[in-house]
Amino acid sequence: MINLKFVPFSPFLSRSFFFLFIIFNSVSYCYGQNIPVPENIQAALLPKVLKFNSELSEKVKIKMLIVYDNNSLNTKDKFFKELKGVMEIKAIRSIELDETISGYDLVYFMPGLADLAIICKSQKILSVTGISQYVEEGKISLGFGIQNNKPKIFVNLTSLDEEGQSFSSDILRIAKIFN
């Protein structure tokens, strides 16, 4: 017979496990944020939505930057592949945004990079993302998310105004709007 002895958790071990739990959950939230709408669906929706922006609808070829970092490399590749040929696209690392943004019509931000969208506001360039939370928070103007298990367009009107952008009421009627 095996003699098992119960060893209670010490307060130190309890605090240690709690601390590790918090750290791992914080890291996964900051860097492991999944894009809820698959890249191929976003790539199909984005050109259609942009037709409702009067400035962009007049352009022959829309120029877009995709901003990524090491944590979003795979997602960036999928999205880039889906949009290639539809728009003129350049993928850049987050540290290159400030020096590269001039001459582009919109910037797509991968997960974890929404704070850089303030550059779009100063340059009057449309910001786009696949993380609806960034649109809700007002960091980014246009995004895609899921509502009732279906892809949904998200628009933040305050952010749009700060970027000097606008969309027709036709698209705003079907989008989820934030101020």
Foldseek 3Di string as FASTA:
>chain_A
DDDDDDDDDDPVNVVVVVVVVVVVVVVCVQQVDDLADQLLVCLVVVVVQQCQWVVSVPDPAAEEEEEDAPSCVVSVVRNCVNNPPVHHYDYDYLVCCLVPVPPHAEYEYEGNRLQSLVSLLVVLHAYEYSDLVSQQVLSHAWYWDADPNDIAIEGEPVNCVSSVTDGDVVNVVRHHYHD
